[in-house]
N, C-alpha and C. Protein backbone atom coordinates (compact mmCIF):
# COMPACT_ATOMS: atom_id res chain seq x y z
N MET A 1 -31.60 -69.09 35.92
CA MET A 1 -31.08 -68.08 34.68
C MET A 1 -32.39 -67.76 33.95
N ARG A 2 -32.24 -66.65 33.59
CA ARG A 2 -33.34 -65.84 32.67
C ARG A 2 -32.55 -65.19 31.44
N ALA A 3 -33.40 -65.16 30.27
CA ALA A 3 -32.96 -64.30 29.35
C ALA A 3 -32.69 -62.87 29.68
N PRO A 4 -31.86 -62.34 28.91
CA PRO A 4 -31.66 -60.69 29.15
C PRO A 4 -33.11 -60.07 29.08
N ILE A 5 -33.27 -59.05 29.76
CA ILE A 5 -34.45 -58.14 29.59
C ILE A 5 -34.61 -57.51 28.19
N ASP A 6 -35.78 -57.42 27.70
CA ASP A 6 -36.23 -56.66 26.50
C ASP A 6 -36.35 -55.01 26.66
N PRO A 7 -35.38 -53.99 26.24
CA PRO A 7 -35.51 -52.86 26.82
C PRO A 7 -36.80 -52.27 26.71
N ILE A 8 -37.49 -52.43 25.52
CA ILE A 8 -38.71 -51.73 25.51
C ILE A 8 -39.85 -52.43 26.20
N LYS A 9 -39.76 -53.71 26.60
CA LYS A 9 -40.77 -54.23 27.58
C LYS A 9 -40.47 -53.72 28.84
N TYR A 10 -39.11 -53.58 29.39
CA TYR A 10 -38.69 -52.85 30.44
C TYR A 10 -39.27 -51.52 30.73
N LEU A 11 -38.98 -50.68 29.74
CA LEU A 11 -39.33 -49.41 29.80
C LEU A 11 -40.96 -49.22 29.87
N ARG A 12 -41.63 -50.03 29.18
CA ARG A 12 -43.16 -50.09 29.09
C ARG A 12 -43.71 -50.56 30.46
N GLY A 13 -42.86 -51.24 31.22
CA GLY A 13 -43.07 -51.61 32.47
C GLY A 13 -43.72 -53.03 32.74
N ALA A 14 -43.69 -53.67 31.61
CA ALA A 14 -43.83 -55.16 31.60
C ALA A 14 -43.33 -55.83 32.77
N SER A 15 -43.63 -56.40 33.91
CA SER A 15 -42.76 -57.06 34.62
C SER A 15 -42.73 -58.59 34.07
N SER A 16 -41.84 -59.69 34.94
CA SER A 16 -41.88 -60.80 34.36
C SER A 16 -43.10 -61.56 34.30
N ASP A 17 -43.87 -61.34 35.12
CA ASP A 17 -45.35 -62.10 34.93
C ASP A 17 -46.13 -61.67 33.77
N GLY A 18 -45.65 -60.44 33.30
CA GLY A 18 -46.15 -59.81 32.16
C GLY A 18 -47.34 -58.61 32.62
N SER A 19 -47.39 -58.43 33.83
CA SER A 19 -48.31 -57.44 34.25
C SER A 19 -47.55 -55.90 34.28
N ALA A 20 -48.24 -54.72 33.78
CA ALA A 20 -47.60 -53.59 34.07
C ALA A 20 -47.32 -53.08 35.33
N SER A 21 -46.12 -52.56 35.55
CA SER A 21 -45.60 -52.23 36.79
C SER A 21 -45.23 -50.73 36.76
N ARG A 22 -45.17 -49.89 35.51
CA ARG A 22 -44.71 -48.39 35.48
C ARG A 22 -45.89 -47.65 35.24
N GLY A 23 -45.86 -46.55 35.49
CA GLY A 23 -46.81 -45.48 35.50
C GLY A 23 -47.07 -44.85 34.27
N ARG A 24 -47.97 -43.91 34.29
CA ARG A 24 -48.25 -43.12 33.36
C ARG A 24 -47.19 -42.17 32.70
N ALA A 25 -46.23 -41.91 33.36
CA ALA A 25 -45.07 -40.98 33.05
C ALA A 25 -44.26 -41.75 31.87
N VAL A 26 -44.09 -43.24 32.31
CA VAL A 26 -43.28 -43.78 31.29
C VAL A 26 -43.96 -44.14 30.00
N HIS A 27 -45.23 -44.29 30.06
CA HIS A 27 -45.98 -44.36 28.89
C HIS A 27 -45.94 -43.40 28.03
N ASP A 28 -46.09 -42.17 28.66
CA ASP A 28 -46.16 -40.77 27.96
C ASP A 28 -44.89 -40.37 27.27
N PHE A 29 -43.75 -40.90 28.08
CA PHE A 29 -42.49 -40.74 27.49
C PHE A 29 -42.29 -41.51 26.22
N LEU A 30 -42.70 -42.69 26.16
CA LEU A 30 -42.54 -43.78 25.13
C LEU A 30 -43.41 -43.29 23.83
N LEU A 31 -44.72 -42.76 24.26
CA LEU A 31 -45.33 -42.14 23.15
C LEU A 31 -44.68 -40.87 22.51
N GLN A 32 -44.09 -39.97 23.21
CA GLN A 32 -43.45 -38.85 22.86
C GLN A 32 -42.17 -39.20 22.06
N LEU A 33 -41.74 -40.28 22.48
CA LEU A 33 -40.28 -40.67 21.63
C LEU A 33 -40.73 -41.41 20.30
N LYS A 34 -41.90 -41.78 20.32
CA LYS A 34 -42.32 -42.46 18.96
C LYS A 34 -42.70 -41.45 18.18
N ARG A 35 -43.40 -40.31 18.64
CA ARG A 35 -43.76 -39.37 17.94
C ARG A 35 -42.61 -38.67 17.33
N ALA A 36 -41.55 -38.37 18.25
CA ALA A 36 -40.16 -37.55 17.72
C ALA A 36 -39.52 -38.50 16.61
N GLU A 37 -39.63 -39.78 16.63
CA GLU A 37 -39.12 -40.52 15.76
C GLU A 37 -39.50 -40.55 14.43
N GLU A 38 -41.18 -40.48 14.43
CA GLU A 38 -42.07 -40.13 13.29
C GLU A 38 -41.79 -38.62 12.59
N GLU A 39 -41.49 -37.90 13.43
CA GLU A 39 -41.25 -36.24 13.01
C GLU A 39 -40.11 -36.27 12.27
N VAL A 40 -38.98 -36.93 12.81
CA VAL A 40 -37.59 -37.00 12.28
C VAL A 40 -37.57 -37.64 10.97
N ALA A 41 -38.27 -38.94 10.88
CA ALA A 41 -38.30 -39.83 9.65
C ALA A 41 -39.19 -38.69 8.62
N ALA A 42 -40.22 -38.06 8.89
CA ALA A 42 -41.03 -37.28 7.93
C ALA A 42 -40.34 -36.34 7.37
N SER A 43 -39.22 -35.57 8.10
CA SER A 43 -38.50 -34.57 7.64
C SER A 43 -37.29 -35.04 6.91
N GLY A 44 -37.43 -36.31 6.60
CA GLY A 44 -36.28 -36.83 5.86
C GLY A 44 -34.76 -36.97 6.38
N ALA A 45 -34.75 -36.77 7.84
CA ALA A 45 -33.47 -36.90 8.33
C ALA A 45 -33.33 -38.24 9.01
N ASP A 46 -31.99 -38.52 9.39
CA ASP A 46 -31.78 -39.91 9.67
C ASP A 46 -32.61 -40.27 11.04
N ALA A 47 -33.55 -40.89 11.08
CA ALA A 47 -34.24 -41.40 12.27
C ALA A 47 -33.52 -42.26 13.32
N ASP A 48 -32.64 -43.07 12.72
CA ASP A 48 -31.81 -44.13 13.22
C ASP A 48 -30.97 -43.63 14.32
N ARG A 49 -30.41 -42.28 14.04
CA ARG A 49 -29.55 -41.63 15.14
C ARG A 49 -30.52 -41.09 16.31
N LEU A 50 -31.63 -41.13 16.47
CA LEU A 50 -32.72 -40.80 17.52
C LEU A 50 -32.46 -42.01 18.43
N LEU A 51 -32.71 -42.97 18.04
CA LEU A 51 -32.83 -44.17 19.12
C LEU A 51 -32.35 -45.43 18.43
N THR A 52 -31.27 -46.30 18.82
CA THR A 52 -31.05 -47.50 18.27
C THR A 52 -30.84 -48.46 19.50
N LEU A 53 -31.75 -49.44 19.13
CA LEU A 53 -31.51 -50.72 20.05
C LEU A 53 -30.57 -51.59 19.65
N TYR A 54 -29.72 -52.05 20.23
CA TYR A 54 -28.71 -53.02 20.34
C TYR A 54 -28.60 -54.15 21.43
N SER A 55 -28.01 -55.19 21.24
CA SER A 55 -27.62 -56.10 22.27
C SER A 55 -26.24 -56.61 22.26
N VAL A 56 -25.49 -56.68 23.51
CA VAL A 56 -24.39 -57.18 23.57
C VAL A 56 -24.47 -58.68 24.17
N ASN A 57 -23.77 -59.49 23.34
CA ASN A 57 -23.53 -60.63 23.68
C ASN A 57 -22.08 -61.44 23.86
N LEU A 58 -21.55 -61.62 24.81
CA LEU A 58 -20.21 -62.10 24.81
C LEU A 58 -20.27 -63.68 24.77
N GLN A 59 -19.46 -64.34 23.90
CA GLN A 59 -19.37 -65.56 23.74
C GLN A 59 -17.82 -65.90 23.70
N SER A 60 -17.40 -67.13 24.23
CA SER A 60 -16.07 -67.53 24.23
C SER A 60 -15.84 -68.20 22.59
N VAL A 61 -14.98 -68.10 22.00
CA VAL A 61 -14.84 -68.68 20.86
C VAL A 61 -13.48 -69.30 20.65
N LYS A 62 -13.39 -70.40 20.05
CA LYS A 62 -11.98 -71.07 19.92
C LYS A 62 -11.04 -70.53 18.91
N LYS A 63 -11.54 -69.98 17.88
CA LYS A 63 -10.72 -69.30 16.81
C LYS A 63 -10.88 -67.87 17.09
N MET A 64 -9.63 -67.48 16.96
CA MET A 64 -9.57 -65.76 17.24
C MET A 64 -10.09 -65.21 16.05
N SER A 65 -9.92 -65.85 14.78
CA SER A 65 -10.48 -65.03 13.78
C SER A 65 -12.00 -64.83 13.53
N ALA A 66 -12.45 -65.57 14.54
CA ALA A 66 -14.04 -65.42 14.55
C ALA A 66 -14.53 -64.67 15.50
N ALA A 67 -13.68 -63.90 16.18
CA ALA A 67 -13.97 -62.93 17.37
C ALA A 67 -13.97 -61.64 16.89
N ASP A 68 -14.85 -60.80 17.41
CA ASP A 68 -14.99 -59.48 17.21
C ASP A 68 -14.12 -58.72 17.96
N ILE A 69 -13.91 -58.98 19.41
CA ILE A 69 -12.78 -58.28 20.38
C ILE A 69 -12.24 -59.60 20.74
N VAL A 70 -10.78 -59.39 21.04
CA VAL A 70 -9.88 -60.41 21.80
C VAL A 70 -9.61 -59.78 23.17
N VAL A 71 -9.95 -60.41 24.20
CA VAL A 71 -9.72 -59.84 25.71
C VAL A 71 -8.61 -60.93 26.36
N GLY A 72 -7.61 -60.35 26.83
CA GLY A 72 -6.70 -61.06 27.67
C GLY A 72 -6.63 -60.69 29.04
N VAL A 73 -6.60 -61.49 30.20
CA VAL A 73 -6.60 -61.15 31.32
C VAL A 73 -5.40 -61.75 32.14
N SER A 74 -4.53 -61.03 32.84
CA SER A 74 -3.23 -61.60 33.57
C SER A 74 -3.83 -62.40 34.70
N GLY A 75 -2.85 -63.42 35.04
CA GLY A 75 -3.24 -64.45 36.00
C GLY A 75 -2.83 -63.80 37.49
N ASP A 76 -2.25 -62.57 37.48
CA ASP A 76 -1.74 -62.01 38.61
C ASP A 76 -3.20 -61.53 39.69
N ASP A 77 -2.82 -61.08 40.83
CA ASP A 77 -3.94 -60.80 41.89
C ASP A 77 -4.49 -59.57 41.30
N ASP A 78 -3.56 -58.53 40.78
CA ASP A 78 -4.29 -57.18 40.34
C ASP A 78 -4.53 -57.52 38.48
N VAL A 79 -5.66 -57.83 38.56
CA VAL A 79 -6.15 -58.36 37.25
C VAL A 79 -6.02 -56.99 36.21
N GLU A 80 -5.45 -57.28 35.19
CA GLU A 80 -5.44 -56.42 34.27
C GLU A 80 -5.85 -56.98 32.84
N ALA A 81 -6.77 -56.25 32.22
CA ALA A 81 -7.41 -56.60 30.82
C ALA A 81 -6.75 -55.84 29.71
N ILE A 82 -6.64 -56.77 28.76
CA ILE A 82 -5.95 -56.20 27.59
C ILE A 82 -7.12 -56.63 26.36
N ILE A 83 -7.65 -55.36 25.74
CA ILE A 83 -8.68 -55.59 24.92
C ILE A 83 -7.75 -55.14 23.43
N ILE A 84 -8.08 -56.22 22.70
CA ILE A 84 -7.83 -55.57 21.04
C ILE A 84 -9.01 -55.87 20.32
N HIS A 85 -9.24 -54.45 19.71
CA HIS A 85 -10.45 -54.46 18.77
C HIS A 85 -10.10 -55.01 17.40
N LYS A 86 -11.05 -55.84 16.88
CA LYS A 86 -10.76 -56.49 15.46
C LYS A 86 -11.27 -55.27 14.59
N ARG A 87 -10.71 -55.29 13.56
CA ARG A 87 -10.91 -54.36 12.26
C ARG A 87 -12.21 -54.88 11.81
N MET A 88 -13.11 -54.08 11.69
CA MET A 88 -14.33 -54.53 10.59
C MET A 88 -14.15 -54.30 9.06
N ASP A 89 -15.00 -54.97 8.57
CA ASP A 89 -14.93 -54.93 6.95
C ASP A 89 -15.51 -53.46 6.44
N PRO A 90 -14.73 -52.53 6.06
CA PRO A 90 -14.88 -51.38 5.71
C PRO A 90 -15.95 -51.14 4.57
N ASN A 91 -16.25 -52.55 3.90
CA ASN A 91 -17.59 -52.41 2.86
C ASN A 91 -18.80 -52.44 3.83
N ILE A 92 -18.71 -52.63 5.00
CA ILE A 92 -20.09 -52.85 5.80
C ILE A 92 -20.14 -51.32 6.53
N THR A 93 -18.74 -51.10 7.23
CA THR A 93 -18.79 -49.67 7.93
C THR A 93 -18.53 -48.44 7.37
N HIS A 94 -18.18 -48.51 6.16
CA HIS A 94 -17.86 -47.33 5.30
C HIS A 94 -18.38 -47.56 3.95
N PRO A 95 -19.83 -47.66 3.78
CA PRO A 95 -20.17 -48.21 2.45
C PRO A 95 -20.36 -47.03 1.39
N LEU A 96 -20.48 -45.61 1.87
CA LEU A 96 -20.83 -44.72 0.97
C LEU A 96 -19.45 -44.27 0.01
N ARG A 97 -19.88 -43.99 -1.30
CA ARG A 97 -18.85 -43.04 -2.04
C ARG A 97 -19.08 -41.68 -1.96
N MET A 98 -18.67 -40.75 -2.39
CA MET A 98 -18.70 -39.30 -2.26
C MET A 98 -20.07 -39.08 -2.86
N LYS A 99 -20.46 -39.67 -4.07
CA LYS A 99 -21.76 -39.24 -4.69
C LYS A 99 -22.78 -39.67 -3.98
N ASP A 100 -22.63 -40.89 -3.15
CA ASP A 100 -23.84 -41.33 -2.27
C ASP A 100 -23.86 -40.30 -1.06
N VAL A 101 -22.86 -39.80 -0.51
CA VAL A 101 -23.09 -38.98 0.61
C VAL A 101 -23.67 -37.81 0.12
N LEU A 102 -23.38 -37.10 -1.23
CA LEU A 102 -23.97 -36.15 -1.88
C LEU A 102 -25.31 -36.15 -1.94
N ALA A 103 -25.79 -37.35 -2.26
CA ALA A 103 -27.28 -37.60 -2.63
C ALA A 103 -28.03 -37.59 -1.26
N LYS A 104 -27.12 -37.87 -0.04
CA LYS A 104 -28.10 -38.01 1.22
C LYS A 104 -28.04 -36.56 2.05
N VAL A 105 -27.07 -35.72 1.69
CA VAL A 105 -27.15 -34.31 2.48
C VAL A 105 -28.32 -33.66 2.20
N LYS A 106 -28.43 -32.56 3.15
CA LYS A 106 -29.64 -31.84 3.00
C LYS A 106 -29.42 -30.96 1.59
N PRO A 107 -30.39 -30.94 0.54
CA PRO A 107 -30.28 -29.97 -0.53
C PRO A 107 -30.17 -28.48 -0.37
N GLU A 108 -30.53 -28.06 0.79
CA GLU A 108 -30.24 -26.59 1.00
C GLU A 108 -28.91 -26.12 1.27
N LEU A 109 -27.87 -27.13 1.56
CA LEU A 109 -26.45 -26.91 1.80
C LEU A 109 -25.75 -26.45 0.64
N GLY A 110 -26.46 -27.05 -0.61
CA GLY A 110 -25.81 -26.71 -1.72
C GLY A 110 -24.50 -27.62 -1.93
N LEU A 111 -24.37 -28.69 -1.58
CA LEU A 111 -22.95 -29.23 -1.54
C LEU A 111 -22.78 -29.85 -2.91
N THR A 112 -21.51 -29.61 -3.34
CA THR A 112 -20.76 -30.03 -4.51
C THR A 112 -19.65 -30.90 -4.26
N SER A 113 -19.24 -31.65 -5.28
CA SER A 113 -17.92 -32.45 -4.92
C SER A 113 -16.86 -31.38 -4.50
N TYR A 114 -16.95 -30.29 -5.09
CA TYR A 114 -15.85 -29.20 -4.48
C TYR A 114 -16.00 -28.91 -3.08
N THR A 115 -17.28 -28.34 -2.70
CA THR A 115 -17.46 -28.21 -1.12
C THR A 115 -17.65 -29.23 -0.24
N PHE A 116 -17.92 -30.40 -0.83
CA PHE A 116 -17.67 -31.75 -0.09
C PHE A 116 -16.23 -31.82 0.29
N GLN A 117 -15.39 -31.76 -0.53
CA GLN A 117 -13.84 -31.91 -0.56
C GLN A 117 -13.53 -30.85 0.55
N ALA A 118 -13.74 -29.60 0.42
CA ALA A 118 -13.36 -28.61 1.48
C ALA A 118 -13.97 -29.05 2.76
N VAL A 119 -15.20 -29.17 2.90
CA VAL A 119 -15.57 -29.60 4.37
C VAL A 119 -14.80 -30.64 4.89
N THR A 120 -14.80 -31.85 4.10
CA THR A 120 -14.07 -32.89 4.72
C THR A 120 -12.67 -32.82 4.96
N ARG A 121 -12.03 -32.15 3.97
CA ARG A 121 -10.57 -31.83 4.39
C ARG A 121 -10.25 -30.82 5.58
N LEU A 122 -11.12 -29.63 5.74
CA LEU A 122 -10.87 -28.77 6.68
C LEU A 122 -11.48 -29.00 7.93
N ARG A 123 -12.39 -29.70 8.08
CA ARG A 123 -13.02 -30.35 9.24
C ARG A 123 -12.22 -31.64 9.88
N GLY A 124 -11.66 -32.09 8.99
CA GLY A 124 -10.74 -33.17 9.49
C GLY A 124 -11.46 -34.62 9.44
N LEU A 125 -12.56 -34.64 8.82
CA LEU A 125 -13.25 -35.85 8.60
C LEU A 125 -12.66 -36.89 7.71
N ARG A 126 -11.82 -36.38 7.10
CA ARG A 126 -10.82 -37.21 5.96
C ARG A 126 -9.81 -38.13 6.70
N ASP A 127 -9.65 -37.44 7.90
CA ASP A 127 -8.54 -38.24 8.58
C ASP A 127 -9.14 -38.96 10.05
N ASP A 128 -10.14 -38.93 10.09
CA ASP A 128 -11.09 -39.69 11.23
C ASP A 128 -11.53 -40.89 10.72
N GLU A 129 -11.26 -41.87 11.42
CA GLU A 129 -11.68 -43.39 10.72
C GLU A 129 -13.11 -43.43 10.97
N ARG A 130 -13.80 -42.82 12.07
CA ARG A 130 -15.30 -43.00 12.16
C ARG A 130 -15.88 -42.50 10.86
N TYR A 131 -15.19 -41.84 10.22
CA TYR A 131 -16.18 -41.01 8.75
C TYR A 131 -15.49 -41.56 7.57
N CYS A 132 -14.18 -41.56 7.48
CA CYS A 132 -13.47 -42.02 6.26
C CYS A 132 -12.51 -43.29 6.45
N TRP A 133 -12.76 -44.13 5.43
CA TRP A 133 -11.65 -45.10 5.21
C TRP A 133 -11.13 -45.01 3.92
N LYS A 134 -9.64 -45.13 4.01
CA LYS A 134 -9.04 -45.17 2.60
C LYS A 134 -8.15 -46.51 2.34
N ASP A 135 -8.36 -46.78 1.21
CA ASP A 135 -7.30 -47.80 0.98
C ASP A 135 -6.18 -47.15 -0.12
N VAL A 136 -5.00 -47.08 0.54
CA VAL A 136 -3.95 -46.34 -0.15
C VAL A 136 -3.29 -47.11 -1.41
N HIS A 137 -3.69 -48.42 -1.50
CA HIS A 137 -3.05 -49.12 -2.52
C HIS A 137 -4.04 -48.95 -3.71
N MET A 138 -5.27 -48.80 -3.61
CA MET A 138 -6.05 -48.63 -4.58
C MET A 138 -6.66 -47.16 -4.96
N ASN A 139 -6.19 -46.42 -4.13
CA ASN A 139 -6.53 -44.96 -4.17
C ASN A 139 -8.30 -45.09 -3.97
N ILE A 140 -8.86 -45.70 -2.99
CA ILE A 140 -10.50 -45.40 -2.91
C ILE A 140 -10.46 -44.77 -1.39
N VAL A 141 -11.60 -44.15 -1.63
CA VAL A 141 -11.95 -43.33 -0.15
C VAL A 141 -13.41 -43.76 -0.17
N ARG A 142 -13.90 -44.20 1.08
CA ARG A 142 -15.23 -44.48 1.32
C ARG A 142 -15.77 -43.96 2.74
N TRP A 143 -16.90 -43.58 2.75
CA TRP A 143 -17.48 -42.85 3.83
C TRP A 143 -18.63 -43.58 4.83
N SER A 144 -18.61 -43.29 5.97
CA SER A 144 -19.64 -43.93 6.92
C SER A 144 -20.83 -43.04 7.00
N HIS A 145 -22.03 -43.70 7.24
CA HIS A 145 -23.34 -43.08 7.39
C HIS A 145 -23.01 -41.54 8.34
N ASP A 146 -22.03 -42.02 9.25
CA ASP A 146 -22.05 -40.79 10.30
C ASP A 146 -21.56 -39.52 9.53
N VAL A 147 -20.63 -39.36 8.59
CA VAL A 147 -20.59 -38.29 7.89
C VAL A 147 -21.69 -37.67 7.38
N VAL A 148 -22.69 -38.07 6.94
CA VAL A 148 -23.79 -37.42 6.23
C VAL A 148 -24.50 -36.76 7.51
N ALA A 149 -24.55 -37.32 8.88
CA ALA A 149 -25.17 -36.71 9.95
C ALA A 149 -24.43 -35.35 10.35
N VAL A 150 -22.94 -35.48 10.37
CA VAL A 150 -22.08 -34.35 10.62
C VAL A 150 -22.31 -33.30 9.70
N ILE A 151 -22.25 -33.47 8.36
CA ILE A 151 -22.54 -32.60 7.36
C ILE A 151 -24.11 -31.84 7.46
N ASN A 152 -24.73 -32.69 7.88
CA ASN A 152 -26.56 -32.25 7.68
C ASN A 152 -26.57 -31.19 9.00
N ARG A 153 -25.72 -31.42 10.06
CA ARG A 153 -25.68 -30.51 11.08
C ARG A 153 -25.12 -28.86 11.03
N MET A 154 -24.42 -28.96 9.72
CA MET A 154 -23.85 -27.63 9.41
C MET A 154 -24.92 -26.86 8.68
N SER A 155 -24.74 -25.47 8.56
CA SER A 155 -25.26 -24.45 7.96
C SER A 155 -24.88 -24.33 6.57
N ALA A 156 -25.62 -23.72 5.51
CA ALA A 156 -25.05 -23.29 4.49
C ALA A 156 -24.07 -22.35 4.41
N ASP A 157 -24.28 -21.32 5.44
CA ASP A 157 -23.00 -20.65 5.52
C ASP A 157 -21.75 -21.09 5.95
N GLU A 158 -21.71 -22.12 6.74
CA GLU A 158 -20.52 -22.93 7.19
C GLU A 158 -20.03 -23.71 5.93
N VAL A 159 -20.71 -24.24 5.18
CA VAL A 159 -20.31 -25.03 3.98
C VAL A 159 -19.55 -23.97 3.19
N GLU A 160 -20.31 -22.65 2.97
CA GLU A 160 -19.85 -21.70 1.98
C GLU A 160 -18.32 -21.25 2.57
N GLU A 161 -18.10 -21.12 3.92
CA GLU A 161 -17.16 -20.54 4.54
C GLU A 161 -15.93 -21.56 4.33
N PHE A 162 -16.31 -22.99 4.45
CA PHE A 162 -15.11 -23.88 4.36
C PHE A 162 -14.81 -23.76 2.89
N ALA A 163 -15.63 -23.66 1.90
CA ALA A 163 -15.32 -23.52 0.46
C ALA A 163 -14.34 -22.47 0.08
N LEU A 164 -14.63 -21.27 0.84
CA LEU A 164 -13.85 -19.95 0.52
C LEU A 164 -12.34 -20.24 1.29
N LYS A 165 -12.17 -20.88 2.27
CA LYS A 165 -11.07 -21.19 3.01
C LYS A 165 -10.18 -22.11 2.21
N TYR A 166 -10.87 -23.03 1.60
CA TYR A 166 -10.39 -24.28 0.77
C TYR A 166 -9.72 -23.66 -0.52
N THR A 167 -10.60 -22.66 -0.96
CA THR A 167 -10.11 -22.09 -2.40
C THR A 167 -8.81 -21.24 -1.94
N ARG A 168 -8.82 -20.46 -0.89
CA ARG A 168 -7.64 -19.52 -0.55
C ARG A 168 -6.39 -20.63 -0.44
N MET A 169 -6.79 -21.66 0.38
CA MET A 169 -5.61 -22.64 0.72
C MET A 169 -5.24 -23.20 -0.65
N GLN A 170 -5.76 -23.52 -1.80
CA GLN A 170 -5.40 -24.12 -2.76
C GLN A 170 -4.66 -23.03 -3.88
N ALA A 171 -5.03 -21.88 -3.59
CA ALA A 171 -4.51 -20.71 -4.44
C ALA A 171 -2.95 -20.31 -3.80
N GLY A 172 -3.09 -20.38 -2.49
CA GLY A 172 -1.67 -19.92 -1.96
C GLY A 172 -0.72 -21.08 -1.54
């Protein structure tokens, strides 16, 4: 048994004995990827969306409350797995308030609290759990970092169009 491979070492071409086994093309690719990451970060955009390293580690735990997911497998010959996703803490997954999102979006969009409401309601972001978490008992709305990326991909014209539609909707 060996430890799982390190993806960067694998891409760089380091074999298990430490010698390089990959060619110049992989080296150039990694160099170009690093430059792209630096360019994205220098422009003020979210460089984390370019490349994210993660590891998956499956462990059996005795307490279901300590598990991130729960998997059940039937004992029949045709195996069926049932996966139940555990809800994550919204303070971790959706840490942003509206003012935090407004501070993170591109200034050239001219996003205000009103246009933010227009965009998030008309684009359906408010109803998508990936972007918005609502506590109906406390009337709290929190946003994930992904909503910043979605809004930053919009143009100022799109934001203005959503604001006009939202104004007409409110009036009528």
